[in-house]
Amino acid sequence: MAIFGRNKTTVGLDIGSGLIKIAVIDHRKGLPELVKVAITKLQPDAIVEGEVMDPGIVSDAIRAAFDNAKISSRRIVTAVGGRDVIIKKIQTERVKEKQARELMRWEAEQHVPDVESVELDFQILDSGKTSDEMNVLLVAAKRDLVDAKMRILADAGIVPSIVDVDAFALHNAFEVNYPEAMKGIVGLVNIGNEVTNVNIMDNGVPILTRDLPLGTRRFAEDIQRQHGLSARDAENLIRGYDRSPQLDGVLSVRVEEIAVGVERAAAFLASSKNSAALRAVYVCGGGSRTPGLAETLADRLKISVEHANPLARLNIRDGALESLTTDEVAPLLMLPIGLALRH
């Protein structure tokens, strides 16, 4: 498993619970250039709360997505995430890189339950320094989680070059587009179909991640129940451009859950560091487009909440988005673009 990995073209593959998203980036000109985006709907309930209910349906959808997009590059990067992935920033004695892997194995035994059942990787955060201690980002993903994803991809005829971690892929795209946010403690909240990822970064390093079991599917179900609307009408409200009064009740409840998740993650970090508070939050993912969500979250947290656009500073080749509407798809692309930035 390679969590932290130069080829000319890289394909980022994001398998969400509602959509399969593909981003293709060309690295030949020095600066990354987005050359293609493809988004394919996944059959409802094929993936529920991050768990694959029908691997065959998912494999078929992935194969169809690649065929329809006419993508031939085999340099494919995907990711794992969720509660079965542990990310910890630790401080330990400084050793040479070759010795570090053995040391990290020992450290993992102190921090990770059942270390024999996980894939481990690490990144030394201050390798250029000469102090006696070093800061290391330790990552552990349950082997069953990685193996299950690899089987689905193999059935689709795909062998990924890298299996990354969702939180790091989101960070890759975020850093390229928002270098000014790499100072202080900042939150990046990715609101998906069923899961919301809360990522806390300290001076640009993603050191804390939490998954909340809510997303646009829950928003839609709330609206249907409260107002007797059809599934299509509820979805139109969530994906619309104007804020409807029918959204207010849903936003007040669900944004509170997101706010509490952000506050708890930030408080844990602050207590462990005795340091500064969260200074800003950025939102992305399909749910971030919900009219009024960012404003409601900002009011609740009493700090700046901005939309994070993975296309803000990225070079985009003519035709990369084809018939897609940029404003609608941009929030969906933070993760696949972050994956495709790996080369």
C-alpha atoms as a PDB file:
ATOM      1  CA  MET A   1       0.000   0.000   0.000  1.00  0.00           C
ATOM      2  CA  ALA A   2       1.471   3.368  -0.975  1.00  0.00           C
ATOM      3  CA  ILE A   3      -0.043   6.229   0.895  1.00  0.00           C
ATOM      4  CA  PHE A   4       2.438   8.990   0.259  1.00  0.00           C
ATOM      5  CA  GLY A   5       4.409   8.205  -4.349  1.00  0.00           C
ATOM      6  CA  ARG A   6       6.391  10.417 -11.913  1.00  0.00           C
ATOM      7  CA  ASN A   7       4.248   9.656 -14.704  1.00  0.00           C
ATOM      8  CA  LYS A   8       2.902  11.760 -17.539  1.00  0.00           C
ATOM      9  CA  THR A   9      -0.806  11.192 -16.944  1.00  0.00           C
ATOM     10  CA  THR A  10      -2.545  10.163 -13.738  1.00  0.00           C
ATOM     11  CA  VAL A  11      -6.159   9.081 -13.296  1.00  0.00           C
ATOM     12  CA  GLY A  12      -7.867   9.763  -9.974  1.00  0.00           C
ATOM     13  CA  LEU A  13     -10.738   7.373  -9.238  1.00  0.00           C
ATOM     14  CA  ASP A  14     -13.201   8.288  -6.486  1.00  0.00           C
ATOM     15  CA  ILE A  15     -15.850   5.620  -5.785  1.00  0.00           C
ATOM     16  CA  GLY A  16     -18.577   7.349  -3.823  1.00  0.00           C
ATOM     17  CA  SER A  17     -21.874   5.971  -2.585  1.00  0.00           C
ATOM     18  CA  GLY A  18     -23.825   7.847  -5.250  1.00  0.00           C
ATOM     19  CA  LEU A  19     -21.337   8.673  -7.995  1.00  0.00           C
ATOM     20  CA  ILE A  20     -18.138   7.377  -9.540  1.00  0.00           C
ATOM     21  CA  LYS A  21     -15.889  10.357 -10.294  1.00  0.00           C
ATOM     22  CA  ILE A  22     -12.817  10.264 -12.520  1.00  0.00           C
ATOM     23  CA  ALA A  23     -10.275  13.063 -13.019  1.00  0.00           C
ATOM     24  CA  VAL A  24      -7.355  12.819 -15.454  1.00  0.00           C
ATOM     25  CA  ILE A  25      -4.344  15.108 -14.985  1.00  0.00           C
ATOM     26  CA  ASP A  26      -1.414  15.605 -17.370  1.00  0.00           C
ATOM     27  CA  HIS A  27       1.882  16.384 -15.592  1.00  0.00           C
ATOM     28  CA  ARG A  28       4.111  16.842 -18.654  1.00  0.00           C
ATOM     29  CA  LYS A  29       4.232  20.651 -18.675  1.00  0.00           C
ATOM     30  CA  GLY A  30       5.565  20.980 -15.145  1.00  0.00           C
ATOM     31  CA  LEU A  31       2.293  22.343 -13.823  1.00  0.00           C
ATOM     32  CA  PRO A  32      -0.611  19.871 -13.549  1.00  0.00           C
ATOM     33  CA  GLU A  33      -3.343  20.262 -16.163  1.00  0.00           C
ATOM     34  CA  LEU A  34      -6.813  18.778 -15.863  1.00  0.00           C
ATOM     35  CA  VAL A  35      -7.557  17.100 -19.186  1.00  0.00           C
ATOM     36  CA  LYS A  36     -10.721  15.111 -18.489  1.00  0.00           C
ATOM     37  CA  VAL A  37     -13.516  14.664 -15.971  1.00  0.00           C
ATOM     38  CA  ALA A  38     -16.073  11.855 -16.041  1.00  0.00           C
ATOM     39  CA  ILE A  39     -18.945  11.345 -13.599  1.00  0.00           C
ATOM     40  CA  THR A  40     -21.170   8.266 -13.593  1.00  0.00           C
ATOM     41  CA  LYS A  41     -24.181   7.575 -11.397  1.00  0.00           C
ATOM     42  CA  LEU A  42     -24.012   4.492  -9.234  1.00  0.00           C
ATOM     43  CA  GLN A  43     -27.129   2.403  -8.650  1.00  0.00           C
ATOM     44  CA  PRO A  44     -28.850   3.433  -5.384  1.00  0.00           C
ATOM     45  CA  ASP A  45     -27.928   1.298  -2.381  1.00  0.00           C
ATOM     46  CA  ALA A  46     -24.972  -0.334  -4.151  1.00  0.00           C
ATOM     47  CA  ILE A  47     -22.880   1.320  -1.432  1.00  0.00           C
ATOM     48  CA  VAL A  48     -24.507   2.160   1.905  1.00  0.00           C
ATOM     49  CA  GLU A  49     -22.675   4.078   4.648  1.00  0.00           C
ATOM     50  CA  GLY A  50     -19.381   3.269   2.992  1.00  0.00           C
ATOM     51  CA  GLU A  51     -20.063  -0.468   2.820  1.00  0.00           C
ATOM     52  CA  VAL A  52     -20.314  -2.125  -0.593  1.00  0.00           C
ATOM     53  CA  MET A  53     -23.598  -4.027  -0.753  1.00  0.00           C
ATOM     54  CA  ASP A  54     -23.092  -5.480  -4.236  1.00  0.00           C
ATOM     55  CA  PRO A  55     -19.454  -5.639  -5.432  1.00  0.00           C
ATOM     56  CA  GLY A  56     -20.521  -6.822  -8.905  1.00  0.00           C
ATOM     57  CA  ILE A  57     -22.677  -3.759  -9.544  1.00  0.00           C
ATOM     58  CA  VAL A  58     -19.871  -1.461  -8.401  1.00  0.00           C
ATOM     59  CA  SER A  59     -17.239  -3.230 -10.559  1.00  0.00           C
ATOM     60  CA  ASP A  60     -19.519  -3.088 -13.616  1.00  0.00           C
ATOM     61  CA  ALA A  61     -20.143   0.635 -13.036  1.00  0.00           C
ATOM     62  CA  ILE A  62     -16.414   1.360 -12.751  1.00  0.00           C
ATOM     63  CA  ARG A  63     -15.678  -0.555 -15.969  1.00  0.00           C
ATOM     64  CA  ALA A  64     -18.480   1.271 -17.774  1.00  0.00           C
ATOM     65  CA  ALA A  65     -17.254   4.639 -16.488  1.00  0.00           C
ATOM     66  CA  PHE A  66     -13.767   4.034 -17.899  1.00  0.00           C
ATOM     67  CA  ASP A  67     -15.108   2.691 -21.201  1.00  0.00           C
ATOM     68  CA  ASN A  68     -17.538   5.594 -21.664  1.00  0.00           C
ATOM     69  CA  ALA A  69     -14.836   8.133 -20.849  1.00  0.00           C
ATOM     70  CA  LYS A  70     -12.412   6.374 -23.261  1.00  0.00           C
ATOM     71  CA  ILE A  71      -9.652   6.439 -20.656  1.00  0.00           C
ATOM     72  CA  SER A  72      -6.711   4.236 -21.575  1.00  0.00           C
ATOM     73  CA  SER A  73      -4.119   5.345 -18.995  1.00  0.00           C
ATOM     74  CA  ARG A  74      -3.319   2.625 -16.503  1.00  0.00           C
ATOM     75  CA  ARG A  75      -1.740   5.043 -13.993  1.00  0.00           C
ATOM     76  CA  ILE A  76      -4.706   4.978 -11.625  1.00  0.00           C
ATOM     77  CA  VAL A  77      -4.810   6.280  -8.069  1.00  0.00           C
ATOM     78  CA  THR A  78      -7.669   5.525  -5.714  1.00  0.00           C
ATOM     79  CA  ALA A  79      -8.149   5.809  -1.950  1.00  0.00           C
ATOM     80  CA  VAL A  80      -9.635   4.304   1.167  1.00  0.00           C
ATOM     81  CA  GLY A  81     -11.226   6.156   4.043  1.00  0.00           C
ATOM     82  CA  GLY A  82     -13.678   5.921   6.890  1.00  0.00           C
ATOM     83  CA  ARG A  83     -13.486   4.682  10.436  1.00  0.00           C
ATOM     84  CA  ASP A  84     -11.135   1.847   9.452  1.00  0.00           C
ATOM     85  CA  VAL A  85      -8.375   4.346   8.630  1.00  0.00           C
ATOM     86  CA  ILE A  86      -6.352   5.827  11.497  1.00  0.00           C
ATOM     87  CA  ILE A  87      -4.200   8.941  11.105  1.00  0.00           C
ATOM     88  CA  LYS A  88      -1.970  10.015  13.996  1.00  0.00           C
ATOM     89  CA  LYS A  89       0.712  12.644  14.316  1.00  0.00           C
ATOM     90  CA  ILE A  90       3.377  11.382  16.697  1.00  0.00           C
ATOM     91  CA  GLN A  91       6.707  12.622  18.011  1.00  0.00           C
ATOM     92  CA  THR A  92       9.569  10.183  18.347  1.00  0.00           C
ATOM     93  CA  GLU A  93      13.364  10.008  18.369  1.00  0.00           C
ATOM     94  CA  ARG A  94      14.993  11.091  15.132  1.00  0.00           C
ATOM     95  CA  VAL A  95      16.384   8.214  13.084  1.00  0.00           C
ATOM     96  CA  LYS A  96      17.455   7.712   9.493  1.00  0.00           C
ATOM     97  CA  GLU A  97      14.752   6.918   6.957  1.00  0.00           C
ATOM     98  CA  LYS A  98      15.839   3.266   6.710  1.00  0.00           C
ATOM     99  CA  GLN A  99      15.466   2.789  10.456  1.00  0.00           C
ATOM    100  CA  ALA A 100      12.202   4.672  10.559  1.00  0.00           C
ATOM    101  CA  ARG A 101      10.054   1.831   9.198  1.00  0.00           C
ATOM    102  CA  GLU A 102      11.074  -0.513  11.985  1.00  0.00           C
ATOM    103  CA  LEU A 103      10.534   2.242  14.537  1.00  0.00           C
ATOM    104  CA  MET A 104       7.112   3.058  13.062  1.00  0.00           C
ATOM    105  CA  ARG A 105       6.086  -0.564  13.450  1.00  0.00           C
ATOM    106  CA  TRP A 106       6.843  -0.318  17.145  1.00  0.00           C
ATOM    107  CA  GLU A 107       5.070   3.042  17.418  1.00  0.00           C
ATOM    108  CA  ALA A 108       2.037   1.635  15.635  1.00  0.00           C
ATOM    109  CA  GLU A 109       1.736  -1.070  18.265  1.00  0.00           C
ATOM    110  CA  GLN A 110       1.315   1.709  20.843  1.00  0.00           C
ATOM    111  CA  HIS A 111      -1.328   3.626  18.871  1.00  0.00           C
ATOM    112  CA  VAL A 112      -3.190   1.167  16.618  1.00  0.00           C
ATOM    113  CA  PRO A 113      -5.425  -1.666  17.855  1.00  0.00           C
ATOM    114  CA  ASP A 114      -4.585  -5.065  16.331  1.00  0.00           C
ATOM    115  CA  VAL A 115      -1.594  -3.832  14.354  1.00  0.00           C
ATOM    116  CA  GLU A 116      -1.223  -7.182  12.568  1.00  0.00           C
ATOM    117  CA  SER A 117      -4.486  -6.562  10.677  1.00  0.00           C
ATOM    118  CA  VAL A 118      -3.542  -3.212   9.139  1.00  0.00           C
ATOM    119  CA  GLU A 119      -1.450  -1.778   6.324  1.00  0.00           C
ATOM    120  CA  LEU A 120       0.961   0.831   7.648  1.00  0.00           C
ATOM    121  CA  ASP A 121       2.665   3.836   6.106  1.00  0.00           C
ATOM    122  CA  PHE A 122       4.195   7.036   7.429  1.00  0.00           C
ATOM    123  CA  GLN A 123       5.574  10.420   6.434  1.00  0.00           C
ATOM    124  CA  ILE A 124       8.329  12.282   8.287  1.00  0.00           C
ATOM    125  CA  LEU A 125       7.076  15.865   8.488  1.00  0.00           C
ATOM    126  CA  ASP A 126      10.351  17.622   9.366  1.00  0.00           C
ATOM    127  CA  SER A 127      12.986  15.513   7.629  1.00  0.00           C
ATOM    128  CA  GLY A 128      15.213  18.512   6.964  1.00  0.00           C
ATOM    129  CA  LYS A 129      15.709  19.358  10.636  1.00  0.00           C
ATOM    130  CA  THR A 130      18.523  18.205  12.910  1.00  0.00           C
ATOM    131  CA  SER A 131      16.771  18.102  16.310  1.00  0.00           C
ATOM    132  CA  ASP A 132      16.798  14.947  18.431  1.00  0.00           C
ATOM    133  CA  GLU A 133      13.097  14.361  17.814  1.00  0.00           C
ATOM    134  CA  MET A 134      10.995  14.199  14.659  1.00  0.00           C
ATOM    135  CA  ASN A 135       7.317  14.612  13.889  1.00  0.00           C
ATOM    136  CA  VAL A 136       5.791  11.761  11.932  1.00  0.00           C
ATOM    137  CA  LEU A 137       2.372  11.217  10.392  1.00  0.00           C
ATOM    138  CA  LEU A 138       1.460   7.583  10.972  1.00  0.00           C
ATOM    139  CA  VAL A 139      -1.307   6.029   8.875  1.00  0.00           C
ATOM    140  CA  ALA A 140      -2.966   2.668   9.318  1.00  0.00           C
ATOM    141  CA  ALA A 141      -5.724   1.191   7.153  1.00  0.00           C
ATOM    142  CA  LYS A 142      -7.408  -2.113   7.883  1.00  0.00           C
ATOM    143  CA  ARG A 143      -6.110  -4.724   5.455  1.00  0.00           C
ATOM    144  CA  ASP A 144      -9.643  -6.042   4.885  1.00  0.00           C
ATOM    145  CA  LEU A 145     -10.692  -2.579   3.695  1.00  0.00           C
ATOM    146  CA  VAL A 146      -7.801  -2.340   1.248  1.00  0.00           C
ATOM    147  CA  ASP A 147      -8.248  -5.934   0.019  1.00  0.00           C
ATOM    148  CA  ALA A 148     -11.980  -5.424  -0.594  1.00  0.00           C
ATOM    149  CA  LYS A 149     -11.337  -2.343  -2.711  1.00  0.00           C
ATOM    150  CA  MET A 150      -8.591  -4.115  -4.660  1.00  0.00           C
ATOM    151  CA  ARG A 151     -10.944  -7.030  -5.456  1.00  0.00           C
ATOM    152  CA  ILE A 152     -13.639  -4.688  -6.786  1.00  0.00           C
ATOM    153  CA  LEU A 153     -11.087  -2.889  -8.963  1.00  0.00           C
ATOM    154  CA  ALA A 154      -9.607  -6.172 -10.201  1.00  0.00           C
ATOM    155  CA  ASP A 155     -13.088  -7.316 -11.258  1.00  0.00           C
ATOM    156  CA  ALA A 156     -13.359  -4.037 -13.199  1.00  0.00           C
ATOM    157  CA  GLY A 157     -10.025  -4.752 -14.911  1.00  0.00           C
ATOM    158  CA  ILE A 158      -8.134  -2.097 -12.987  1.00  0.00           C
ATOM    159  CA  VAL A 159      -4.926  -2.382 -10.983  1.00  0.00           C
ATOM    160  CA  PRO A 160      -4.245   0.888  -9.133  1.00  0.00           C
ATOM    161  CA  SER A 161      -0.688   2.211  -8.964  1.00  0.00           C
ATOM    162  CA  ILE A 162      -1.344   3.859  -5.605  1.00  0.00           C
ATOM    163  CA  VAL A 163      -3.913   3.405  -2.881  1.00  0.00           C
ATOM    164  CA  ASP A 164      -4.052   6.687  -1.013  1.00  0.00           C
ATOM    165  CA  VAL A 165      -6.117   7.894   1.930  1.00  0.00           C
ATOM    166  CA  ASP A 166      -9.158  10.134   1.372  1.00  0.00           C
ATOM    167  CA  ALA A 167      -7.979  12.791   3.820  1.00  0.00           C
ATOM    168  CA  PHE A 168      -4.602  13.152   2.089  1.00  0.00           C
ATOM    169  CA  ALA A 169      -6.107  13.257  -1.392  1.00  0.00           C
ATOM    170  CA  LEU A 170      -8.480  16.027  -0.310  1.00  0.00           C
ATOM    171  CA  HIS A 171      -5.499  17.860   1.148  1.00  0.00           C
ATOM    172  CA  ASN A 172      -3.511  17.518  -2.110  1.00  0.00           C
ATOM    173  CA  ALA A 173      -6.183  19.324  -4.133  1.00  0.00           C
ATOM    174  CA  PHE A 174      -6.852  21.841  -1.381  1.00  0.00           C
ATOM    175  CA  GLU A 175      -3.176  22.814  -1.033  1.00  0.00           C
ATOM    176  CA  VAL A 176      -2.789  23.422  -4.783  1.00  0.00           C
ATOM    177  CA  ASN A 177      -5.796  25.729  -4.849  1.00  0.00           C
ATOM    178  CA  TYR A 178      -5.586  27.388  -1.419  1.00  0.00           C
ATOM    179  CA  PRO A 179      -1.922  27.812  -0.441  1.00  0.00           C
ATOM    180  CA  GLU A 180      -2.936  30.673   1.864  1.00  0.00           C
ATOM    181  CA  ALA A 181      -4.876  28.156   3.997  1.00  0.00           C
ATOM    182  CA  MET A 182      -1.710  26.233   4.865  1.00  0.00           C
ATOM    183  CA  LYS A 183      -1.156  28.376   7.974  1.00  0.00           C
ATOM    184  CA  GLY A 184      -2.747  27.856  11.358  1.00  0.00           C
ATOM    185  CA  ILE A 185      -5.508  25.403  12.190  1.00  0.00           C
ATOM    186  CA  VAL A 186      -8.027  25.037   9.366  1.00  0.00           C
ATOM    187  CA  GLY A 187     -10.897  22.635   8.758  1.00  0.00           C
ATOM    188  CA  LEU A 188     -11.807  21.049   5.410  1.00  0.00           C
ATOM    189  CA  VAL A 189     -15.288  19.519   5.437  1.00  0.00           C
ATOM    190  CA  ASN A 190     -16.235  17.237   2.549  1.00  0.00           C
ATOM    191  CA  ILE A 191     -20.019  16.662   2.488  1.00  0.00           C
ATOM    192  CA  GLY A 192     -20.838  13.620   0.399  1.00  0.00           C
ATOM    193  CA  ASN A 193     -23.940  11.594  -0.334  1.00  0.00           C
ATOM    194  CA  GLU A 194     -23.885   9.561   2.873  1.00  0.00           C
ATOM    195  CA  VAL A 195     -20.777  10.589   4.782  1.00  0.00           C
ATOM    196  CA  THR A 196     -19.262  13.923   5.773  1.00  0.00           C
ATOM    197  CA  ASN A 197     -15.482  13.939   6.262  1.00  0.00           C
ATOM    198  CA  VAL A 198     -14.125  16.457   8.754  1.00  0.00           C
ATOM    199  CA  ASN A 199     -10.396  17.059   8.249  1.00  0.00           C
ATOM    200  CA  ILE A 200      -8.375  19.308  10.545  1.00  0.00           C
ATOM    201  CA  MET A 201      -5.064  20.673   9.257  1.00  0.00           C
ATOM    202  CA  ASP A 202      -2.325  22.258  11.325  1.00  0.00           C
ATOM    203  CA  ASN A 203      -0.024  24.464   9.229  1.00  0.00           C
ATOM    204  CA  GLY A 204      -0.984  22.494   6.155  1.00  0.00           C
ATOM    205  CA  VAL A 205      -0.584  19.013   7.657  1.00  0.00           C
ATOM    206  CA  PRO A 206      -3.755  16.872   7.822  1.00  0.00           C
ATOM    207  CA  ILE A 207      -3.499  15.490  11.351  1.00  0.00           C
ATOM    208  CA  LEU A 208      -7.043  14.708  12.408  1.00  0.00           C
ATOM    209  CA  THR A 209      -9.941  13.222  10.460  1.00  0.00           C
ATOM    210  CA  ARG A 210     -13.471  12.303  11.529  1.00  0.00           C
ATOM    211  CA  ASP A 211     -16.354  10.793   9.541  1.00  0.00           C
ATOM    212  CA  LEU A 212     -19.941  11.802  10.299  1.00  0.00           C
ATOM    213  CA  PRO A 213     -22.779   9.517   9.098  1.00  0.00           C
ATOM    214  CA  LEU A 214     -24.741  12.178   7.230  1.00  0.00           C
ATOM    215  CA  GLY A 215     -24.855  13.718   3.774  1.00  0.00           C
ATOM    216  CA  THR A 216     -27.187  14.774   0.991  1.00  0.00           C
ATOM    217  CA  ARG A 217     -29.189  11.542   1.172  1.00  0.00           C
ATOM    218  CA  ARG A 218     -30.099  12.370   4.773  1.00  0.00           C
ATOM    219  CA  PHE A 219     -30.913  15.964   3.799  1.00  0.00           C
ATOM    220  CA  ALA A 220     -33.306  14.722   1.112  1.00  0.00           C
ATOM    221  CA  GLU A 221     -34.973  12.198   3.407  1.00  0.00           C
ATOM    222  CA  ASP A 222     -35.537  14.929   6.006  1.00  0.00           C
ATOM    223  CA  ILE A 223     -37.151  17.234   3.439  1.00  0.00           C
ATOM    224  CA  GLN A 224     -39.404  14.457   2.122  1.00  0.00           C
ATOM    225  CA  ARG A 225     -40.539  13.554   5.615  1.00  0.00           C
ATOM    226  CA  GLN A 226     -41.076  17.125   6.842  1.00  0.00           C
ATOM    227  CA  HIS A 227     -42.769  18.548   3.746  1.00  0.00           C
ATOM    228  CA  GLY A 228     -44.233  15.540   1.948  1.00  0.00           C
ATOM    229  CA  LEU A 229     -42.173  16.170  -1.168  1.00  0.00           C
ATOM    230  CA  SER A 230     -41.133  13.609  -3.752  1.00  0.00           C
ATOM    231  CA  ALA A 231     -37.536  12.392  -3.858  1.00  0.00           C
ATOM    232  CA  ARG A 232     -36.953  14.389  -7.066  1.00  0.00           C
ATOM    233  CA  ASP A 233     -38.368  17.629  -5.614  1.00  0.00           C
ATOM    234  CA  ALA A 234     -36.284  17.219  -2.452  1.00  0.00           C
ATOM    235  CA  GLU A 235     -33.155  16.651  -4.530  1.00  0.00           C
ATOM    236  CA  ASN A 236     -33.922  19.730  -6.637  1.00  0.00           C
ATOM    237  CA  LEU A 237     -34.077  21.864  -3.484  1.00  0.00           C
ATOM    238  CA  ILE A 238     -30.690  20.563  -2.317  1.00  0.00           C
ATOM    239  CA  ARG A 239     -29.070  21.031  -5.726  1.00  0.00           C
ATOM    240  CA  GLY A 240     -30.787  24.323  -6.554  1.00  0.00           C
ATOM    241  CA  TYR A 241     -29.305  27.786  -6.521  1.00  0.00           C
ATOM    242  CA  ASP A 242     -31.935  29.519  -4.381  1.00  0.00           C
ATOM    243  CA  ARG A 243     -32.450  28.902  -0.700  1.00  0.00           C
ATOM    244  CA  SER A 244     -35.957  27.629   0.005  1.00  0.00           C
ATOM    245  CA  PRO A 245     -37.656  28.083   3.410  1.00  0.00           C
ATOM    246  CA  GLN A 246     -38.278  24.325   3.239  1.00  0.00           C
ATOM    247  CA  LEU A 247     -34.541  23.815   3.698  1.00  0.00           C
ATOM    248  CA  ASP A 248     -34.255  25.831   6.914  1.00  0.00           C
ATOM    249  CA  GLY A 249     -35.400  23.129   9.333  1.00  0.00           C
ATOM    250  CA  VAL A 250     -33.149  20.529   7.750  1.00  0.00           C
ATOM    251  CA  LEU A 251     -30.151  22.849   7.730  1.00  0.00           C
ATOM    252  CA  SER A 252     -30.550  23.830  11.380  1.00  0.00           C
ATOM    253  CA  VAL A 253     -30.469  20.179  12.492  1.00  0.00           C
ATOM    254  CA  ARG A 254     -27.875  18.750  10.112  1.00  0.00           C
ATOM    255  CA  VAL A 255     -25.526  21.746  10.226  1.00  0.00           C
ATOM    256  CA  GLU A 256     -25.574  21.465  14.014  1.00  0.00           C
ATOM    257  CA  GLU A 257     -24.294  17.881  13.660  1.00  0.00           C
ATOM    258  CA  ILE A 258     -21.532  19.018  11.307  1.00  0.00           C
ATOM    259  CA  ALA A 259     -20.621  21.935  13.596  1.00  0.00           C
ATOM    260  CA  VAL A 260     -20.372  19.651  16.628  1.00  0.00           C
ATOM    261  CA  GLY A 261     -18.174  17.253  14.655  1.00  0.00           C
ATOM    262  CA  VAL A 262     -15.860  20.106  13.644  1.00  0.00           C
ATOM    263  CA  GLU A 263     -15.761  21.526  17.176  1.00  0.00           C
ATOM    264  CA  ARG A 264     -14.964  18.180  18.775  1.00  0.00           C
ATOM    265  CA  ALA A 265     -12.141  17.474  16.333  1.00  0.00           C
ATOM    266  CA  ALA A 266     -10.678  20.963  16.779  1.00  0.00           C
ATOM    267  CA  ALA A 267     -11.049  20.803  20.563  1.00  0.00           C
ATOM    268  CA  PHE A 268      -9.208  17.473  20.679  1.00  0.00           C
ATOM    269  CA  LEU A 269      -6.351  18.965  18.697  1.00  0.00           C
ATOM    270  CA  ALA A 270      -6.243  22.149  20.786  1.00  0.00           C
ATOM    271  CA  SER A 271      -6.225  20.217  24.072  1.00  0.00           C
ATOM    272  CA  SER A 272      -3.379  18.004  22.904  1.00  0.00           C
ATOM    273  CA  LYS A 273      -1.312  20.972  21.706  1.00  0.00           C
ATOM    274  CA  ASN A 274      -2.423  23.719  24.085  1.00  0.00           C
ATOM    275  CA  SER A 275      -2.520  25.903  21.021  1.00  0.00           C
ATOM    276  CA  ALA A 276      -4.637  28.150  18.841  1.00  0.00           C
ATOM    277  CA  ALA A 277      -8.248  27.643  17.897  1.00  0.00           C
ATOM    278  CA  LEU A 278      -9.698  26.834  14.500  1.00  0.00           C
ATOM    279  CA  ARG A 279      -9.414  29.942  12.319  1.00  0.00           C
ATOM    280  CA  ALA A 280     -11.429  28.956   9.217  1.00  0.00           C
ATOM    281  CA  VAL A 281     -13.426  26.150   7.628  1.00  0.00           C
ATOM    282  CA  TYR A 282     -13.673  25.289   3.932  1.00  0.00           C
ATOM    283  CA  VAL A 283     -16.478  23.105   2.569  1.00  0.00           C
ATOM    284  CA  CYS A 284     -16.521  20.878  -0.515  1.00  0.00           C
ATOM    285  CA  GLY A 285     -18.395  17.832  -1.789  1.00  0.00           C
ATOM    286  CA  GLY A 286     -21.835  17.696  -3.373  1.00  0.00           C
ATOM    287  CA  GLY A 287     -23.556  18.658  -0.121  1.00  0.00           C
ATOM    288  CA  SER A 288     -21.588  21.880   0.156  1.00  0.00           C
ATOM    289  CA  ARG A 289     -23.717  23.259  -2.706  1.00  0.00           C
ATOM    290  CA  THR A 290     -26.884  23.031  -0.606  1.00  0.00           C
ATOM    291  CA  PRO A 291     -28.211  26.620  -0.596  1.00  0.00           C
ATOM    292  CA  GLY A 292     -27.583  28.253   2.779  1.00  0.00           C
ATOM    293  CA  LEU A 293     -25.417  25.491   4.226  1.00  0.00           C
ATOM    294  CA  ALA A 294     -22.125  27.405   4.301  1.00  0.00           C
ATOM    295  CA  GLU A 295     -23.807  30.508   5.728  1.00  0.00           C
ATOM    296  CA  THR A 296     -25.617  28.484   8.411  1.00  0.00           C
ATOM    297  CA  LEU A 297     -22.389  26.724   9.390  1.00  0.00           C
ATOM    298  CA  ALA A 298     -20.528  30.054   9.587  1.00  0.00           C
ATOM    299  CA  ASP A 299     -23.229  31.498  11.852  1.00  0.00           C
ATOM    300  CA  ARG A 300     -23.059  28.445  14.087  1.00  0.00           C
ATOM    301  CA  LEU A 301     -19.257  28.234  14.331  1.00  0.00           C
ATOM    302  CA  LYS A 302     -18.749  32.025  14.422  1.00  0.00           C
ATOM    303  CA  ILE A 303     -15.808  31.746  12.022  1.00  0.00           C
ATOM    304  CA  SER A 304     -15.252  32.106   8.282  1.00  0.00           C
ATOM    305  CA  VAL A 305     -16.706  29.271   6.170  1.00  0.00           C
ATOM    306  CA  GLU A 306     -15.782  29.291   2.480  1.00  0.00           C
ATOM    307  CA  HIS A 307     -16.507  27.040  -0.486  1.00  0.00           C
ATOM    308  CA  ALA A 308     -13.378  25.164  -1.592  1.00  0.00           C
ATOM    309  CA  ASN A 309     -13.108  24.939  -5.380  1.00  0.00           C
ATOM    310  CA  PRO A 310     -10.611  22.316  -6.650  1.00  0.00           C
ATOM    311  CA  LEU A 311     -10.527  24.141 -10.023  1.00  0.00           C
ATOM    312  CA  ALA A 312      -9.663  27.579  -8.565  1.00  0.00           C
ATOM    313  CA  ARG A 313      -5.949  27.534  -9.517  1.00  0.00           C
ATOM    314  CA  LEU A 314      -5.711  24.415 -11.613  1.00  0.00           C
ATOM    315  CA  ASN A 315      -4.898  24.604 -15.306  1.00  0.00           C
ATOM    316  CA  ILE A 316      -7.848  23.205 -17.265  1.00  0.00           C
ATOM    317  CA  ARG A 317      -7.550  22.034 -20.872  1.00  0.00           C
ATOM    318  CA  ASP A 318     -10.303  23.054 -23.284  1.00  0.00           C
ATOM    319  CA  GLY A 319     -12.967  20.369 -23.332  1.00  0.00           C
ATOM    320  CA  ALA A 320     -11.926  18.760 -20.058  1.00  0.00           C
ATOM    321  CA  LEU A 321     -15.387  19.204 -18.594  1.00  0.00           C
ATOM    322  CA  GLU A 322     -17.206  18.606 -21.913  1.00  0.00           C
ATOM    323  CA  SER A 323     -20.967  18.951 -21.342  1.00  0.00           C
ATOM    324  CA  LEU A 324     -20.674  19.249 -17.549  1.00  0.00           C
ATOM    325  CA  THR A 325     -21.681  22.467 -15.786  1.00  0.00           C
ATOM    326  CA  THR A 326     -18.592  23.714 -13.960  1.00  0.00           C
ATOM    327  CA  ASP A 327     -20.387  25.273 -10.980  1.00  0.00           C
ATOM    328  CA  GLU A 328     -22.332  22.069 -10.399  1.00  0.00           C
ATOM    329  CA  VAL A 329     -19.506  19.547 -10.682  1.00  0.00           C
ATOM    330  CA  ALA A 330     -16.603  21.498  -9.151  1.00  0.00           C
ATOM    331  CA  PRO A 331     -17.605  20.726  -5.525  1.00  0.00           C
ATOM    332  CA  LEU A 332     -17.616  17.004  -6.396  1.00  0.00           C
ATOM    333  CA  LEU A 333     -14.064  16.960  -7.716  1.00  0.00           C
ATOM    334  CA  MET A 334     -11.841  17.717  -4.712  1.00  0.00           C
ATOM    335  CA  LEU A 335     -11.140  14.049  -4.014  1.00  0.00           C
ATOM    336  CA  PRO A 336     -10.629  12.696  -7.569  1.00  0.00           C
ATOM    337  CA  ILE A 337      -8.445  15.707  -8.472  1.00  0.00           C
ATOM    338  CA  GLY A 338      -6.444  15.226  -5.284  1.00  0.00           C
ATOM    339  CA  LEU A 339      -5.871  11.605  -6.280  1.00  0.00           C
ATOM    340  CA  ALA A 340      -4.869  12.529  -9.836  1.00  0.00           C
ATOM    341  CA  LEU A 341      -2.334  15.033  -8.519  1.00  0.00           C
ATOM    342  CA  ARG A 342      -0.281  12.068  -7.286  1.00  0.00           C
ATOM    343  CA  HIS A 343       2.351  11.130  -9.855  1.00  0.00           C
END
